[in-house]
Structure formats: structure tokens, C-alpha cells
Amino acid sequence: MKPALAPAATLVGMPNRYWLETLGCPKNQVDSEKLAGLLEADGYQPSRHPGQADLLVVNTCAFIEAAREESVEAVLQLGASKKPGARLVVTGCMAQRYGEELALALPEVDQVAGFGVPVQLARKPVPAAARAPARLPSFDLLNLPRPAAQAPWAYVKVAEGCDRHCGFCAIPQFRGPQRSRSLEAVVAEVDALGAQEVVLVAQDPVSWGRDRRFNPGEIGAPGSGGPRAPGEGGGLAHLVKVVRQHTQRVRLLYLYPSGLSDRLIDAMAESGCSYFDMSLQHVSGRLLRSMRRFGDAERFAQLVAKIRQRYPEAALRSSFVVGYPGETEEDHDQLLAFLSEAQLDWAGFFGFSPEEGTYAAQLADQVPAALVSEWISECSELQGSITAERRGALVGTVCRALVDRPGQARSHREAPEIDGLIKVPRHIPVGTWVDLKITKADGLDLVARELQPAVAPTPTPQAPCAPDGTVAA
């Protein structure tokens, strides 16, 4: 629900230009778009340059130390460039987690607004008591409206928070427990965005619907058309099928591996995007148990083999934490061996960051930073060669792709803003689907020519969503 604020026209000296800077993951990007929609509904216009803005907002990330440092640097840069009388507001994960500390450490900031605190609109000093975020949200960004998509694709957040409490992750501390959006709310946002591709994201998307499965009319409730008692990934599979009726391609990110059931795997492949972003984090069973996570190298290898056996054209991505407390050379060698065997299309590697309040921050046997850096380099070098080989093997093949911007397209193998892309002739209109033949590999990118004239964009078919969560025939 939109917070109760005075109409824009009644606020004396109210700024009319805003600059919004976003750091961190796609989930933060969704939050920023909703903040932008809220500001524009209250009479703001986006500024072309931060130095021209009356209101500057930094949506911060607090996942690891490097992200926090980047967030603080962005705040300081905007503080130095803001014009006289402009206001600087810090929001997002870092504001929620370290509100009082930020307010004291950054005197150039006019307001620290956590998830439940609306960005103040009036150009007036903010009392010290209001500079730190409230403990309980007064409104929830999750269900605020947002502007129509500016690109042919868009992220859609399907849930907020997380119930898993992994050993290295502080997200549940400041994002709270899992709160799934209703199927109707997700579909309504997809329709309003009008994007050709929708990327569904959450901290833990495979658990979508578990926290609300017994509510009347919701997923898992009698007569809902969904599974009566969805396990991990069960409700999400139903959601993917429904959203697919409202857009051309559905992609999923950040999938907990135990939730990749046969049903979800099939739903993803049938959605027009057999792309599997599995959040493995490591392959050493001993380390994963310490991380309070599922799996080991054998089970992950079986999962990869099952997906590729069922869908040979599938693209696989994962991310791994390197240098978790207690990691040994043997654990590291096990990860390298898995990478060689699994032949993932894409992978990212991140050094362990001890996060205050997490289980792992208190563990002994912290790995020296120099060794962590060495291990990351070895993993990155190996995966880089694997990715280059897999990209090169696509030369001569045919794919269907969506043109994102002039001269750039993506097939099901490339997630936006994360993976490589396909270079195409610049005359192909943005937002069109085109059949391509890959002619060359250029690092992580591919080069392609069109096989036939591109298909002009058409309105996305929108199957009506009934109140009980089913799709009308």
C-alpha cells in the first residue's frame, strides 16, 4: 500500500527532479523501480545528471564487505556532487542493517530510510530520530506498482526474505522471513510491465508459496488449481506455468538445488527458457554441512547430468563461495574437479566474507586472504576456459533470440546483465525475436547473422488469471 503522504503540489519547495542509484543484485533493481514509480506518482521527474537532481537516492547493498564499501563510495560521490539545497537519502539493505551507524558516520546524508521508511519528499531537515530506519515496515515495496518496462525484459520479485539461515548469509537478519507474493499480484505486475521476457527472482524462489499455501484462494489451497501441499519447487513450477501464459519467455534465478524437482525442471524448459541458475555454493559435503546447506559433489553431478539428459540444450550456471572457514586444499581440489566434470556454461566465484551475526563469522580456521585470492584465480581460470570452449562449440548452430538493444540479443543461454550476449546486425529492431545462426565466438559473446527477417514485436498474450489462481482457458 502506498504510504500516506501529502500531495506533491502542497509541499512547499518540494524537489521535482530525482536521481536514483542502485547497487547490488536484481532484487534491488526491482525495489528501485518501485521507488521510482512511487516518486514519479508524487510529482518527481528523473534527472539526467545527479548534479541537477533535487533528491538523490542510493539503494545500497550489504551482502558482503565489498558491496558495503561500494555502497559507501557511491554515497560519498553523490554527496560531493549534489547541488546546494539537494537532499541525499540512503535506502536499501545497508540502510536497513546499519541505519543508526550510517546516520552517524555519514553527516552529508539527510535521511537513512530502511525498507519500511518512505523516502521523505519535503525539502526540510530530518530529525535525528527519523534518520535511522524503523524496526517494523510502515509499507512494503514488494507490492508497490512500478513503471512499465523500459527494455524488452524485466525482473519480477516473487517473494521477499528467506527462511534458510545459511551459515554465511546475513540476509534473513535484515530482509526478514519468507513472504511470498500471491500469484495474482505477480501476474498483475507481469501484465503491467509488458515485457517479452520476465526474470523471476527472490532470495529463495523455490520456496515460493510455502508460507501462504493454506490461505484461501492461494497456491496449495483446496480448489486453487495448484498442488495441495507443494514441496520445494512445487509451487514455483505452477507459478512459472501461469506466468508463461502472460509473456514470451520466463527465466528463473537463484535456485536452491534441492528444489530442482522434475516438475520444476520441466516447467522451466517448457517456459521457453531452459536455463538453470543453481545456487550450489560449494561441492564439499563437509563444508556444505557447515554452511547449513544441502548437497555434495555427487548429488550435484547427478543433478547436472539429469538436466542435460532431459534437456540437452539447457544452459547451467552456478555461484560458489571460496575460502569458507575450514576449507582445505582438498576441498578446493574437489571444487576444481567438479567444475571440470560438470562443464557448467557459467559460474561466479566469491571470497568468503565474515558477516556479523552469522554462524560462520564465529568459526575458527579462517582462510588467509592471499590463499582465498589464489583459489579464486584458479577457479576463474578453469571456468573461463570451460565457458570459452562451450561458447565456441555453438558456432554453426541456430537459436532464437530476443533483441535487447541495438546490436545485442540473448537466447535462452544468456541471462540479462549476468552472462555474455549475442552480437547481431544493428538494423534489427529492439524487442523483436529473431532466428540466428552463430558465426563466431568473441570471448564470452557470440556473433550471429539472422536467418530470416526478424519478427516484429507483438502484444504478449495475456490469459486471464482467475481469483483462485488458475488460468482461464
Protein backbone atom coordinates (compact mmCIF):
# COMPACT_ATOMS: atom_id res chain seq x y z
CA MET A 1 0.00 0.00 0.00
CA LYS A 2 1.29 3.46 -0.83
CA PRO A 3 2.25 5.44 2.28
CA ALA A 4 0.08 8.36 3.28
CA LEU A 5 1.89 11.44 2.00
CA ALA A 6 0.71 14.93 1.27
CA PRO A 7 0.01 15.65 -2.41
CA ALA A 8 3.08 16.85 -4.26
CA ALA A 9 1.56 20.21 -5.10
CA THR A 10 1.03 21.07 -1.43
CA LEU A 11 4.64 20.62 -0.35
CA VAL A 12 6.39 23.97 -0.24
CA GLY A 13 9.72 23.95 -2.05
CA MET A 14 9.36 20.28 -2.93
CA PRO A 15 12.05 19.00 -5.31
CA ASN A 16 10.90 17.99 -8.76
CA ARG A 17 13.95 16.04 -10.02
CA TYR A 18 15.38 12.82 -8.61
CA TRP A 19 18.46 10.69 -9.20
CA LEU A 20 18.30 7.03 -8.13
CA GLU A 21 21.48 4.96 -7.94
CA THR A 22 21.15 1.18 -7.50
CA LEU A 23 23.80 -1.20 -6.20
CA GLY A 24 23.69 -4.94 -5.69
CA CYS A 25 21.51 -7.66 -7.12
CA PRO A 26 18.46 -7.74 -9.43
CA LYS A 27 16.20 -7.79 -6.38
CA ASN A 28 17.50 -4.33 -5.51
CA GLN A 29 16.83 -3.23 -9.09
CA VAL A 30 13.18 -4.21 -8.68
CA ASP A 31 12.99 -2.22 -5.43
CA SER A 32 14.49 0.81 -7.18
CA GLU A 33 11.97 0.65 -9.99
CA LYS A 34 9.18 0.61 -7.44
CA LEU A 35 10.73 3.56 -5.63
CA ALA A 36 10.93 5.39 -8.96
CA GLY A 37 7.28 4.66 -9.62
CA LEU A 38 6.38 5.99 -6.17
CA LEU A 39 8.42 9.17 -6.64
CA GLU A 40 7.00 9.84 -10.09
CA ALA A 41 3.48 9.33 -8.78
CA ASP A 42 4.25 12.09 -6.29
CA GLY A 43 5.32 14.53 -8.97
CA TYR A 44 9.02 13.81 -9.43
CA GLN A 45 10.82 13.63 -12.77
CA PRO A 46 14.05 11.65 -13.31
CA SER A 47 17.18 13.78 -13.61
CA ARG A 48 19.71 13.35 -16.41
CA HIS A 49 22.62 14.04 -14.08
CA PRO A 50 22.99 13.72 -10.29
CA GLY A 51 24.28 17.29 -10.07
CA GLN A 52 20.93 18.54 -11.39
CA ALA A 53 18.75 16.49 -9.03
CA ASP A 54 16.87 17.92 -6.06
CA LEU A 55 16.63 14.48 -4.46
CA LEU A 56 19.39 11.85 -4.67
CA VAL A 57 18.65 8.30 -3.51
CA VAL A 58 21.20 5.48 -3.15
CA ASN A 59 19.71 1.98 -2.94
CA THR A 60 22.51 0.12 -1.18
CA CYS A 61 23.72 -3.47 -0.93
CA ALA A 62 25.02 -5.07 2.28
CA PHE A 63 25.59 -8.70 1.25
CA ILE A 64 29.38 -8.72 1.74
CA GLU A 65 32.06 -6.24 2.79
CA ALA A 66 33.00 -5.34 -0.80
CA ALA A 67 29.36 -4.47 -1.55
CA ARG A 68 29.17 -2.25 1.53
CA GLU A 69 32.36 -0.45 0.55
CA GLU A 70 30.94 0.17 -2.93
CA SER A 71 27.72 1.49 -1.42
CA VAL A 72 29.54 3.94 0.88
CA GLU A 73 31.70 5.13 -2.03
CA ALA A 74 28.59 5.81 -4.10
CA VAL A 75 27.06 7.81 -1.24
CA LEU A 76 30.21 9.89 -0.82
CA GLN A 77 30.47 10.59 -4.55
CA LEU A 78 26.86 11.75 -4.76
CA GLY A 79 27.27 13.80 -1.60
CA ALA A 80 30.21 15.60 -3.17
CA SER A 81 28.38 16.29 -6.43
CA LYS A 82 24.93 17.30 -5.17
CA LYS A 83 23.81 20.86 -5.79
CA PRO A 84 23.06 23.28 -2.94
CA GLY A 85 19.72 22.50 -1.31
CA ALA A 86 19.51 18.99 -2.71
CA ARG A 87 18.75 16.11 -0.35
CA LEU A 88 20.65 12.83 -0.17
CA VAL A 89 18.83 9.70 1.02
CA VAL A 90 20.31 6.25 1.67
CA THR A 91 17.96 3.27 1.46
CA GLY A 92 18.15 -0.46 0.77
CA CYS A 93 19.88 -3.33 2.55
CA MET A 94 22.71 -1.33 4.11
CA ALA A 95 20.32 1.30 5.41
CA GLN A 96 18.11 -1.37 6.92
CA ARG A 97 21.00 -3.24 8.52
CA TYR A 98 23.17 -0.34 9.73
CA GLY A 99 20.74 2.57 9.92
CA GLU A 100 21.92 4.26 13.10
CA GLU A 101 25.60 3.68 12.32
CA LEU A 102 25.21 5.13 8.82
CA ALA A 103 23.35 8.18 10.08
CA LEU A 104 26.21 8.94 12.46
CA ALA A 105 29.05 8.07 10.08
CA LEU A 106 27.72 9.98 7.06
CA PRO A 107 26.73 13.51 8.12
CA GLU A 108 26.25 14.51 4.45
CA VAL A 109 23.22 12.17 4.32
CA ASP A 110 19.86 13.78 5.04
CA GLN A 111 17.94 10.58 5.64
CA VAL A 112 18.65 6.88 6.18
CA ALA A 113 15.49 5.06 5.09
CA GLY A 114 15.22 1.31 5.60
CA PHE A 115 12.73 -0.94 3.84
CA GLY A 116 9.81 0.28 5.95
CA VAL A 117 10.55 4.01 5.85
CA PRO A 118 9.25 6.12 2.94
CA VAL A 119 11.76 8.46 1.33
CA GLN A 120 10.84 11.90 2.66
CA LEU A 121 9.56 14.24 -0.03
CA ALA A 122 9.71 17.61 1.72
CA ARG A 123 12.95 19.59 1.48
CA LYS A 124 13.43 20.09 5.18
CA PRO A 125 15.87 18.78 7.79
CA VAL A 126 15.09 15.28 9.00
CA PRO A 127 15.06 14.94 12.81
CA ALA A 128 17.83 12.74 14.17
CA ALA A 129 15.29 10.25 15.47
CA ALA A 130 13.95 9.78 11.94
CA ARG A 131 17.32 9.29 10.28
CA ALA A 132 17.54 5.58 11.13
CA PRO A 133 15.08 3.04 9.72
CA ALA A 134 12.08 1.91 11.69
CA ARG A 135 12.07 -1.63 13.07
CA LEU A 136 8.69 -2.53 11.58
CA PRO A 137 7.81 -1.63 7.98
CA SER A 138 5.14 1.01 7.51
CA PHE A 139 4.83 -0.03 3.88
CA ASP A 140 6.17 -2.88 1.76
CA LEU A 141 7.97 -2.26 -1.53
CA LEU A 142 7.09 -5.78 -2.62
CA ASN A 143 3.59 -4.92 -3.78
CA LEU A 144 4.03 -1.31 -4.84
CA PRO A 145 3.31 -0.63 -8.54
CA ARG A 146 6.21 0.12 -10.87
CA PRO A 147 6.60 1.79 -14.26
CA ALA A 148 6.25 -0.22 -17.48
CA ALA A 149 9.42 -1.99 -18.57
CA GLN A 150 11.89 0.21 -20.47
CA ALA A 151 13.59 -2.84 -22.02
CA PRO A 152 12.14 -5.96 -23.67
CA TRP A 153 12.78 -7.87 -20.43
CA ALA A 154 12.16 -7.20 -16.73
CA TYR A 155 12.87 -8.65 -13.30
CA VAL A 156 9.85 -9.56 -11.18
CA LYS A 157 10.31 -10.28 -7.49
CA VAL A 158 8.05 -13.12 -6.36
CA ALA A 159 8.93 -13.11 -2.65
CA GLU A 160 10.87 -11.24 -0.01
CA GLY A 161 13.01 -12.57 2.82
CA CYS A 162 14.37 -16.05 3.47
CA ASP A 163 13.85 -18.85 5.99
CA ARG A 164 17.01 -20.90 5.31
CA HIS A 165 19.62 -19.19 7.54
CA CYS A 166 22.72 -20.37 5.64
CA GLY A 167 25.85 -20.17 7.74
CA PHE A 168 27.48 -17.35 5.77
CA CYS A 169 24.44 -15.21 4.91
CA ALA A 170 23.03 -12.30 6.90
CA ILE A 171 20.10 -11.60 4.56
CA PRO A 172 17.40 -13.06 6.89
CA GLN A 173 18.57 -10.62 9.58
CA PHE A 174 17.56 -7.56 7.60
CA ARG A 175 15.20 -8.90 4.93
CA GLY A 176 13.17 -10.96 7.38
CA PRO A 177 11.39 -14.29 6.90
CA GLN A 178 9.98 -15.52 3.58
CA ARG A 179 6.95 -13.55 2.39
CA SER A 180 5.57 -14.85 -0.89
CA ARG A 181 3.50 -12.65 -3.14
CA SER A 182 0.20 -14.03 -4.34
CA LEU A 183 0.00 -15.49 -7.81
CA GLU A 184 -2.47 -12.76 -8.74
CA ALA A 185 -0.08 -9.99 -7.67
CA VAL A 186 2.80 -11.48 -9.66
CA VAL A 187 0.68 -11.90 -12.78
CA ALA A 188 -0.72 -8.37 -12.47
CA GLU A 189 2.80 -6.95 -12.35
CA VAL A 190 3.88 -9.06 -15.34
CA ASP A 191 0.94 -7.74 -17.33
CA ALA A 192 1.64 -4.14 -16.33
CA LEU A 193 5.31 -4.41 -17.32
CA GLY A 194 4.53 -5.70 -20.79
CA ALA A 195 7.96 -7.33 -21.18
CA GLN A 196 8.79 -10.04 -23.71
CA GLU A 197 10.91 -11.87 -21.12
CA VAL A 198 10.28 -11.99 -17.37
CA VAL A 199 13.03 -12.97 -14.93
CA LEU A 200 11.55 -14.22 -11.67
CA VAL A 201 13.77 -13.51 -8.64
CA ALA A 202 13.70 -13.80 -4.85
CA GLN A 203 16.11 -14.68 -2.08
CA ASP A 204 14.75 -18.25 -2.25
CA PRO A 205 12.37 -18.62 -5.20
CA VAL A 206 11.98 -22.42 -4.96
CA SER A 207 10.18 -21.86 -1.64
CA TRP A 208 7.61 -19.56 -3.23
CA GLY A 209 4.14 -20.25 -1.83
CA ARG A 210 5.20 -22.37 1.14
CA ASP A 211 4.45 -19.60 3.65
CA ARG A 212 0.95 -18.98 2.29
CA ARG A 213 -0.12 -22.33 0.86
CA PHE A 214 -3.09 -22.79 3.22
CA ASN A 215 -4.60 -19.33 2.70
CA PRO A 216 -7.94 -19.35 0.87
CA GLY A 217 -7.53 -18.95 -2.85
CA GLU A 218 -3.74 -19.25 -2.71
CA ILE A 219 -1.35 -21.82 -4.04
CA GLY A 220 -1.88 -25.18 -2.36
CA ALA A 221 -5.34 -24.36 -1.01
CA PRO A 222 -8.23 -26.63 -1.97
CA GLY A 223 -9.57 -25.61 -5.36
CA SER A 224 -6.60 -23.41 -6.15
CA GLY A 225 -5.57 -25.38 -9.21
CA GLY A 226 -2.09 -25.71 -7.74
CA PRO A 227 -0.51 -28.53 -5.72
CA ARG A 228 -2.35 -29.20 -2.44
CA ALA A 229 0.90 -29.48 -0.49
CA PRO A 230 3.76 -28.15 -2.58
CA GLY A 231 7.24 -29.26 -1.62
CA GLU A 232 10.30 -27.31 -2.59
CA GLY A 233 9.85 -26.04 -6.12
CA GLY A 234 6.30 -27.40 -6.43
CA GLY A 235 4.53 -24.08 -6.06
CA LEU A 236 7.14 -22.33 -8.19
CA ALA A 237 6.54 -24.77 -11.05
CA HIS A 238 2.86 -23.80 -11.02
CA LEU A 239 3.76 -20.11 -10.93
CA VAL A 240 6.11 -20.48 -13.90
CA LYS A 241 3.39 -22.17 -15.95
CA VAL A 242 0.91 -19.41 -15.18
CA VAL A 243 3.35 -16.56 -15.86
CA ARG A 244 4.29 -18.22 -19.16
CA GLN A 245 0.72 -17.51 -20.31
CA HIS A 246 1.44 -13.78 -19.92
CA THR A 247 4.86 -13.40 -21.54
CA GLN A 248 7.06 -14.95 -24.21
CA ARG A 249 9.86 -16.27 -22.00
CA VAL A 250 10.21 -16.94 -18.27
CA ARG A 251 13.63 -17.18 -16.63
CA LEU A 252 14.48 -18.10 -13.02
CA LEU A 253 17.50 -17.07 -10.94
CA TYR A 254 18.95 -18.19 -7.58
CA LEU A 255 17.52 -21.71 -7.34
CA TYR A 256 18.31 -23.75 -4.24
CA PRO A 257 19.43 -27.13 -5.62
CA SER A 258 17.18 -29.35 -3.51
CA GLY A 259 14.19 -27.53 -5.01
CA LEU A 260 15.02 -28.53 -8.59
CA SER A 261 12.42 -31.29 -8.78
CA ASP A 262 11.49 -33.00 -12.05
CA ARG A 263 8.31 -30.94 -12.09
CA LEU A 264 10.17 -27.63 -11.80
CA ILE A 265 12.80 -28.68 -14.34
CA ASP A 266 10.06 -29.50 -16.85
CA ALA A 267 8.19 -26.26 -16.13
CA MET A 268 11.35 -24.23 -16.73
CA ALA A 269 12.12 -25.98 -20.01
CA GLU A 270 8.53 -25.58 -21.19
CA SER A 271 8.60 -21.87 -20.30
CA GLY A 272 10.79 -21.18 -23.34
CA CYS A 273 13.95 -20.84 -21.27
CA SER A 274 15.83 -23.99 -20.25
CA TYR A 275 18.32 -22.01 -18.17
CA PHE A 276 19.17 -23.34 -14.73
CA ASP A 277 20.84 -20.99 -12.25
CA MET A 278 21.65 -23.33 -9.36
CA SER A 279 22.92 -21.81 -6.12
CA LEU A 280 25.41 -24.59 -5.19
CA GLN A 281 27.96 -22.50 -3.16
CA HIS A 282 30.46 -25.41 -2.92
CA VAL A 283 30.66 -29.15 -3.54
CA SER A 284 32.45 -30.36 -0.40
CA GLY A 285 29.82 -32.14 1.68
CA ARG A 286 31.71 -31.27 4.86
CA LEU A 287 31.80 -27.57 4.03
CA LEU A 288 28.19 -27.51 2.87
CA ARG A 289 27.09 -29.01 6.18
CA SER A 290 29.00 -26.24 7.95
CA MET A 291 27.29 -23.75 5.63
CA ARG A 292 23.99 -25.33 6.73
CA ARG A 293 23.17 -26.15 3.14
CA PHE A 294 22.13 -29.16 1.09
CA GLY A 295 24.26 -31.32 -1.16
CA ASP A 296 27.68 -32.58 -2.14
CA ALA A 297 29.67 -33.17 -5.31
CA GLU A 298 28.00 -36.49 -6.11
CA ARG A 299 24.44 -35.20 -5.76
CA PHE A 300 25.21 -32.04 -7.71
CA ALA A 301 26.83 -34.06 -10.51
CA GLN A 302 23.72 -36.23 -10.68
CA LEU A 303 21.51 -33.13 -10.87
CA VAL A 304 23.58 -31.66 -13.70
CA ALA A 305 23.50 -34.99 -15.57
CA LYS A 306 19.73 -35.31 -15.13
CA ILE A 307 19.04 -31.83 -16.50
CA ARG A 308 21.30 -32.35 -19.50
CA GLN A 309 19.87 -35.79 -20.22
CA ARG A 310 16.32 -34.43 -20.24
CA TYR A 311 17.17 -31.13 -21.98
CA PRO A 312 20.48 -31.28 -23.89
CA GLU A 313 20.19 -27.63 -24.96
CA ALA A 314 19.93 -26.41 -21.36
CA ALA A 315 22.34 -23.77 -20.07
CA LEU A 316 23.64 -24.16 -16.50
CA ARG A 317 25.03 -21.53 -14.16
CA SER A 318 26.12 -21.53 -10.53
CA SER A 319 27.98 -19.47 -7.92
CA PHE A 320 30.50 -20.65 -5.35
CA VAL A 321 31.86 -19.31 -2.06
CA VAL A 322 35.65 -19.67 -1.86
CA GLY A 323 37.57 -19.61 1.42
CA TYR A 324 34.76 -20.58 3.79
CA PRO A 325 36.19 -21.19 7.29
CA GLY A 326 37.86 -24.57 7.44
CA GLU A 327 38.19 -25.00 3.67
CA THR A 328 41.28 -27.04 2.82
CA GLU A 329 43.32 -27.69 -0.29
CA GLU A 330 41.47 -30.98 -0.57
CA ASP A 331 38.11 -29.16 -0.57
CA HIS A 332 39.42 -26.73 -3.16
CA ASP A 333 40.68 -29.56 -5.38
CA GLN A 334 37.26 -31.18 -5.08
CA LEU A 335 35.66 -27.99 -6.39
CA LEU A 336 38.11 -27.83 -9.32
CA ALA A 337 37.37 -31.47 -10.15
CA PHE A 338 33.63 -30.79 -10.09
CA LEU A 339 34.00 -27.80 -12.41
CA SER A 340 35.97 -29.94 -14.87
CA GLU A 341 33.35 -32.69 -14.77
CA ALA A 342 30.18 -30.56 -14.72
CA GLN A 343 31.21 -28.27 -17.60
CA LEU A 344 28.86 -25.51 -16.47
CA ASP A 345 28.14 -22.82 -19.03
CA TRP A 346 28.66 -20.03 -16.50
CA ALA A 347 29.93 -19.73 -12.94
CA GLY A 348 30.87 -16.99 -10.48
CA PHE A 349 33.28 -17.19 -7.53
CA PHE A 350 33.17 -15.04 -4.42
CA GLY A 351 35.55 -14.83 -1.50
CA PHE A 352 34.03 -15.60 1.89
CA SER A 353 33.11 -12.50 3.88
CA PRO A 354 32.56 -12.89 7.66
CA GLU A 355 29.18 -11.27 8.26
CA GLU A 356 28.24 -10.04 11.72
CA GLY A 357 25.63 -12.21 13.39
CA THR A 358 26.09 -15.23 11.12
CA TYR A 359 27.17 -18.70 12.21
CA ALA A 360 30.28 -18.66 10.01
CA ALA A 361 31.62 -15.40 11.43
CA GLN A 362 32.35 -17.17 14.70
CA LEU A 363 34.10 -20.20 13.21
CA ALA A 364 37.78 -20.85 13.67
CA ASP A 365 40.12 -21.77 10.80
CA GLN A 366 39.52 -18.62 8.78
CA VAL A 367 41.33 -18.96 5.44
CA PRO A 368 44.08 -16.37 4.76
CA ALA A 369 43.03 -13.71 2.25
CA ALA A 370 46.01 -14.38 -0.01
CA LEU A 371 45.06 -18.05 -0.28
CA VAL A 372 41.42 -17.17 -1.00
CA SER A 373 42.56 -14.89 -3.81
CA GLU A 374 44.76 -17.66 -5.23
CA TRP A 375 41.91 -20.17 -5.13
CA ILE A 376 39.50 -17.75 -6.81
CA SER A 377 42.03 -17.17 -9.60
CA GLU A 378 42.41 -20.91 -10.15
CA CYS A 379 38.64 -21.45 -10.25
CA SER A 380 38.07 -18.47 -12.53
CA GLU A 381 40.81 -19.53 -14.93
CA LEU A 382 39.44 -23.07 -15.18
CA GLN A 383 35.83 -21.96 -15.58
CA GLY A 384 36.87 -19.30 -18.09
CA SER A 385 38.37 -21.93 -20.34
CA ILE A 386 35.29 -24.14 -19.97
CA THR A 387 32.93 -21.28 -20.79
CA ALA A 388 35.03 -20.25 -23.80
CA GLU A 389 35.01 -23.82 -25.11
CA ARG A 390 31.27 -24.18 -24.66
CA ARG A 391 30.64 -20.85 -26.36
CA GLY A 392 32.93 -21.83 -29.24
CA ALA A 393 31.03 -25.10 -29.69
CA LEU A 394 27.91 -23.08 -30.54
CA VAL A 395 29.44 -21.73 -33.77
CA GLY A 396 27.38 -23.04 -36.66
CA THR A 397 24.28 -23.70 -34.56
CA VAL A 398 20.91 -21.96 -34.79
CA CYS A 399 18.98 -20.30 -31.97
CA ARG A 400 16.06 -18.00 -31.36
CA ALA A 401 16.88 -14.79 -29.56
CA LEU A 402 15.36 -11.59 -28.23
CA VAL A 403 16.98 -8.31 -29.31
CA ASP A 404 17.59 -6.32 -26.10
CA ARG A 405 19.22 -3.23 -27.56
CA PRO A 406 20.67 -2.21 -30.93
CA GLY A 407 23.20 -4.84 -31.99
CA GLN A 408 22.65 -7.11 -28.97
CA ALA A 409 20.45 -10.15 -28.43
CA ARG A 410 20.05 -13.03 -25.98
CA SER A 411 18.95 -16.62 -26.41
CA HIS A 412 17.85 -18.84 -23.53
CA ARG A 413 21.55 -19.35 -22.70
CA GLU A 414 22.26 -15.75 -21.65
CA ALA A 415 20.69 -14.12 -18.61
CA PRO A 416 20.48 -10.32 -18.81
CA GLU A 417 23.22 -8.31 -17.07
CA ILE A 418 24.99 -11.51 -15.97
CA ASP A 419 26.21 -13.58 -18.90
CA GLY A 420 27.62 -12.86 -22.33
CA LEU A 421 25.42 -11.83 -25.25
CA ILE A 422 24.96 -12.32 -28.98
CA LYS A 423 26.09 -9.57 -31.35
CA VAL A 424 23.61 -9.10 -34.18
CA PRO A 425 23.11 -6.61 -37.04
CA ARG A 426 22.09 -3.22 -35.62
CA HIS A 427 19.17 -2.81 -38.03
CA ILE A 428 17.11 -5.45 -36.20
CA PRO A 429 14.55 -3.56 -34.06
CA VAL A 430 14.82 -3.81 -30.29
CA GLY A 431 12.12 -6.04 -28.81
CA THR A 432 11.93 -8.43 -31.75
CA TRP A 433 12.51 -12.16 -31.84
CA VAL A 434 14.91 -13.41 -34.46
CA ASP A 435 16.26 -16.76 -35.66
CA LEU A 436 20.04 -16.60 -35.69
CA LYS A 437 22.96 -18.64 -36.97
CA ILE A 438 26.04 -18.32 -34.78
CA THR A 439 29.04 -17.43 -36.94
CA LYS A 440 31.77 -16.65 -34.41
CA ALA A 441 32.72 -16.74 -30.73
CA ASP A 442 34.15 -13.50 -29.37
CA GLY A 443 35.24 -14.14 -25.78
CA LEU A 444 32.08 -14.62 -23.73
CA ASP A 445 29.98 -13.18 -26.55
CA LEU A 446 28.79 -14.71 -29.80
CA VAL A 447 28.39 -13.17 -33.25
CA ALA A 448 25.40 -14.14 -35.39
CA ARG A 449 23.51 -13.38 -38.59
CA GLU A 450 19.75 -13.51 -38.99
CA LEU A 451 18.31 -16.43 -40.95
CA GLN A 452 15.18 -14.55 -41.97
CA PRO A 453 13.64 -11.13 -41.36
CA ALA A 454 13.09 -10.50 -37.66
CA VAL A 455 9.63 -10.99 -36.22
CA ALA A 456 8.22 -7.62 -35.16
CA PRO A 457 7.16 -7.36 -31.53
CA THR A 458 3.60 -8.45 -30.88
CA PRO A 459 1.45 -7.91 -27.80
CA THR A 460 2.11 -10.60 -25.22
CA PRO A 461 -0.85 -12.99 -24.93
CA GLN A 462 -2.45 -12.44 -21.56
CA ALA A 463 -4.52 -15.32 -20.31
CA PRO A 464 -6.90 -14.06 -17.63
CA CYS A 465 -6.00 -15.16 -14.13
CA ALA A 466 -8.98 -16.32 -12.10
CA PRO A 467 -9.31 -15.33 -8.42
CA ASP A 468 -8.41 -18.89 -7.35
CA GLY A 469 -5.02 -18.69 -9.07
CA THR A 470 -5.86 -20.80 -12.11
CA VAL A 471 -5.58 -19.65 -15.72
CA ALA A 472 -8.78 -19.35 -17.66
CA ALA A 473 -9.00 -21.48 -20.77
